[in-house]
C-alpha atoms as a PDB file:
ATOM      1  CA  MET A   1     -36.502 -25.256 -68.954  1.00  0.00           C
ATOM      2  CA  GLY A   2     -35.932 -25.052 -65.120  1.00  0.00           C
ATOM      3  CA  TYR A   3     -34.059 -22.605 -62.906  1.00  0.00           C
ATOM      4  CA  GLN A   4     -30.339 -21.880 -62.961  1.00  0.00           C
ATOM      5  CA  ALA A   5     -28.782 -21.672 -59.535  1.00  0.00           C
ATOM      6  CA  PHE A   6     -25.858 -19.857 -58.192  1.00  0.00           C
ATOM      7  CA  TYR A   7     -24.581 -19.741 -54.602  1.00  0.00           C
ATOM      8  CA  CYS A   8     -21.571 -19.348 -52.028  1.00  0.00           C
ATOM      9  CA  CYS A   9     -21.219 -21.172 -48.717  1.00  0.00           C
ATOM     10  CA  TYR A  10     -17.940 -19.966 -46.995  1.00  0.00           C
ATOM     11  CA  ASN A  11     -17.915 -22.856 -44.598  1.00  0.00           C
ATOM     12  CA  THR A  12     -17.641 -25.370 -47.176  1.00  0.00           C
ATOM     13  CA  ASN A  13     -16.045 -23.238 -49.917  1.00  0.00           C
ATOM     14  CA  GLU A  14     -18.753 -24.131 -52.354  1.00  0.00           C
ATOM     15  CA  VAL A  15     -19.071 -21.370 -54.911  1.00  0.00           C
ATOM     16  CA  VAL A  16     -20.978 -21.045 -58.213  1.00  0.00           C
ATOM     17  CA  SER A  17     -21.064 -17.510 -59.573  1.00  0.00           C
ATOM     18  CA  PRO A  18     -24.266 -16.119 -61.307  1.00  0.00           C
ATOM     19  CA  GLU A  19     -22.249 -16.195 -64.676  1.00  0.00           C
ATOM     20  CA  GLU A  20     -21.690 -19.975 -64.191  1.00  0.00           C
ATOM     21  CA  ALA A  21     -25.050 -20.863 -62.889  1.00  0.00           C
ATOM     22  CA  CYS A  22     -26.132 -24.546 -63.259  1.00  0.00           C
ATOM     23  CA  GLU A  23     -29.475 -26.001 -63.784  1.00  0.00           C
ATOM     24  CA  MET A  24     -31.270 -27.175 -60.598  1.00  0.00           C
ATOM     25  CA  ASP A  25     -34.412 -28.675 -59.959  1.00  0.00           C
ATOM     26  CA  LEU A  26     -36.545 -26.887 -57.319  1.00  0.00           C
ATOM     27  CA  ASP A  27     -36.898 -29.883 -55.012  1.00  0.00           C
ATOM     28  CA  ILE A  28     -33.089 -30.307 -55.035  1.00  0.00           C
ATOM     29  CA  ALA A  29     -32.933 -26.489 -54.677  1.00  0.00           C
ATOM     30  CA  GLY A  30     -35.247 -26.500 -51.517  1.00  0.00           C
ATOM     31  CA  ASP A  31     -33.019 -29.269 -49.817  1.00  0.00           C
ATOM     32  CA  ARG A  32     -29.655 -27.709 -50.828  1.00  0.00           C
ATOM     33  CA  ILE A  33     -30.318 -24.146 -49.704  1.00  0.00           C
ATOM     34  CA  LEU A  34     -30.205 -25.028 -46.005  1.00  0.00           C
ATOM     35  CA  GLU A  35     -26.839 -26.886 -46.470  1.00  0.00           C
ATOM     36  CA  LEU A  36     -25.519 -23.847 -48.423  1.00  0.00           C
ATOM     37  CA  LEU A  37     -26.867 -21.056 -46.047  1.00  0.00           C
ATOM     38  CA  GLN A  38     -24.909 -22.161 -42.960  1.00  0.00           C
ATOM     39  CA  GLY A  39     -23.403 -18.745 -41.949  1.00  0.00           C
ATOM     40  CA  ASP A  40     -23.924 -15.044 -42.326  1.00  0.00           C
ATOM     41  CA  ASP A  41     -23.185 -13.642 -45.696  1.00  0.00           C
ATOM     42  CA  ASP A  42     -23.645 -17.038 -47.276  1.00  0.00           C
ATOM     43  CA  PHE A  43     -26.039 -16.655 -50.333  1.00  0.00           C
ATOM     44  CA  PHE A  44     -28.156 -18.603 -52.875  1.00  0.00           C
ATOM     45  CA  GLY A  45     -29.945 -17.541 -55.910  1.00  0.00           C
ATOM     46  CA  LEU A  46     -32.101 -18.887 -58.592  1.00  0.00           C
ATOM     47  CA  ILE A  47     -32.475 -17.487 -62.147  1.00  0.00           C
ATOM     48  CA  ASP A  48     -35.531 -18.254 -64.264  1.00  0.00           C
ATOM     49  CA  GLU A  49     -35.919 -18.452 -68.107  1.00  0.00           C
ATOM     50  CA  ASN A  50     -36.624 -14.733 -68.289  1.00  0.00           C
ATOM     51  CA  ASP A  51     -33.355 -13.867 -66.446  1.00  0.00           C
ATOM     52  CA  THR A  52     -35.082 -12.786 -63.254  1.00  0.00           C
ATOM     53  CA  THR A  53     -33.226 -13.584 -60.101  1.00  0.00           C
ATOM     54  CA  LEU A  54     -34.681 -14.417 -56.638  1.00  0.00           C
ATOM     55  CA  GLN A  55     -31.756 -14.561 -54.200  1.00  0.00           C
ATOM     56  CA  PHE A  56     -31.382 -15.371 -50.566  1.00  0.00           C
ATOM     57  CA  LEU A  57     -28.725 -14.252 -47.942  1.00  0.00           C
ATOM     58  CA  ARG A  58     -28.343 -15.568 -44.586  1.00  0.00           C
ATOM     59  CA  ASN A  59     -28.386 -12.928 -41.678  1.00  0.00           C
ATOM     60  CA  GLY A  60     -28.529 -14.757 -38.316  1.00  0.00           C
ATOM     61  CA  ASP A  61     -31.626 -16.629 -37.989  1.00  0.00           C
ATOM     62  CA  LEU A  62     -33.286 -14.639 -40.729  1.00  0.00           C
ATOM     63  CA  ILE A  63     -32.933 -14.852 -44.493  1.00  0.00           C
ATOM     64  CA  TRP A  64     -33.007 -11.711 -46.683  1.00  0.00           C
ATOM     65  CA  MET A  65     -35.060 -12.670 -49.742  1.00  0.00           C
ATOM     66  CA  GLU A  66     -34.846 -10.256 -52.774  1.00  0.00           C
ATOM     67  CA  ILE A  67     -35.671  -9.869 -56.475  1.00  0.00           C
ATOM     68  CA  PRO A  68     -32.918  -7.438 -57.979  1.00  0.00           C
ATOM     69  CA  ILE A  69     -34.352  -4.899 -60.333  1.00  0.00           C
ATOM     70  CA  PRO A  70     -31.336  -3.451 -62.134  1.00  0.00           C
ATOM     71  CA  ASP A  71     -33.242  -0.964 -64.375  1.00  0.00           C
ATOM     72  CA  GLN A  72     -34.490   0.696 -61.049  1.00  0.00           C
ATOM     73  CA  LYS A  73     -31.063   0.279 -59.215  1.00  0.00           C
ATOM     74  CA  GLY A  74     -32.494  -1.497 -56.288  1.00  0.00           C
ATOM     75  CA  SER A  75     -34.089  -4.836 -55.111  1.00  0.00           C
ATOM     76  CA  PHE A  76     -37.538  -5.633 -53.823  1.00  0.00           C
ATOM     77  CA  GLY A  77     -37.089  -7.640 -50.697  1.00  0.00           C
ATOM     78  CA  LYS A  78     -38.069  -8.985 -47.186  1.00  0.00           C
ATOM     79  CA  HIS A  79     -36.866 -11.087 -44.309  1.00  0.00           C
ATOM     80  CA  ILE A  80     -38.275 -14.481 -43.679  1.00  0.00           C
ATOM     81  CA  PRO A  81     -37.537 -17.093 -41.067  1.00  0.00           C
ATOM     82  CA  ILE A  82     -34.816 -19.720 -42.072  1.00  0.00           C
ATOM     83  CA  ASP A  83     -37.363 -22.607 -41.675  1.00  0.00           C
ATOM     84  CA  GLU A  84     -39.616 -21.203 -44.462  1.00  0.00           C
ATOM     85  CA  VAL A  85     -37.019 -21.116 -47.106  1.00  0.00           C
ATOM     86  CA  GLY A  86     -36.942 -24.765 -48.335  1.00  0.00           C
ATOM     87  CA  SER A  87     -40.834 -24.849 -48.757  1.00  0.00           C
ATOM     88  CA  LEU A  88     -40.880 -21.482 -50.450  1.00  0.00           C
ATOM     89  CA  ILE A  89     -38.349 -22.641 -53.238  1.00  0.00           C
ATOM     90  CA  ALA A  90     -39.849 -26.016 -53.641  1.00  0.00           C
ATOM     91  CA  GLY A  91     -43.071 -24.376 -54.221  1.00  0.00           C
ATOM     92  CA  LEU A  92     -42.023 -21.586 -56.718  1.00  0.00           C
ATOM     93  CA  PRO A  93     -44.009 -21.296 -60.074  1.00  0.00           C
ATOM     94  CA  ALA A  94     -42.165 -21.694 -63.385  1.00  0.00           C
ATOM     95  CA  ARG A  95     -41.293 -17.877 -63.342  1.00  0.00           C
ATOM     96  CA  ILE A  96     -40.331 -15.588 -60.768  1.00  0.00           C
ATOM     97  CA  ASP A  97     -42.924 -12.844 -60.389  1.00  0.00           C
ATOM     98  CA  LEU A  98     -42.635  -9.884 -58.029  1.00  0.00           C
ATOM     99  CA  ASN A  99     -46.646  -9.927 -57.953  1.00  0.00           C
ATOM    100  CA  ASP A 100     -46.259 -13.365 -56.045  1.00  0.00           C
ATOM    101  CA  PHE A 101     -44.400 -11.505 -53.173  1.00  0.00           C
ATOM    102  CA  PRO A 102     -46.609  -8.417 -52.450  1.00  0.00           C
ATOM    103  CA  GLU A 103     -45.058  -7.939 -49.079  1.00  0.00           C
ATOM    104  CA  MET A 104     -41.615  -7.217 -50.584  1.00  0.00           C
ATOM    105  CA  GLU A 105     -40.410  -3.764 -50.338  1.00  0.00           C
ATOM    106  CA  PHE A 106     -38.096  -1.682 -52.579  1.00  0.00           C
ATOM    107  CA  GLN A 107     -34.487  -1.063 -51.343  1.00  0.00           C
ATOM    108  CA  PRO A 108     -32.316   1.203 -53.426  1.00  0.00           C
ATOM    109  CA  TRP A 109     -28.737   0.030 -53.856  1.00  0.00           C
END
């Protein structure tokens, strides 16, 4: 089983909610994310088979990348340059693991 994807691009009005997430190959996701993160507040998320989410939010020339942890009422996240997003997604392992992103910091909601 692969990843499920959800996203919102306000420019093109393409929206798929997390509840309606569709299966998406990581190579395709790596290409599509830059098409979908055109403007501020656009977002893109991936859900693995364990229901762990990795999501990306456009903020100027940076992308806020985070893993929400609902039990802890917050997210672990960090900013990354927009040009690193596609390769990061294409290189994801089969499951999202917070240990793969040691530089993420906890942000309460």
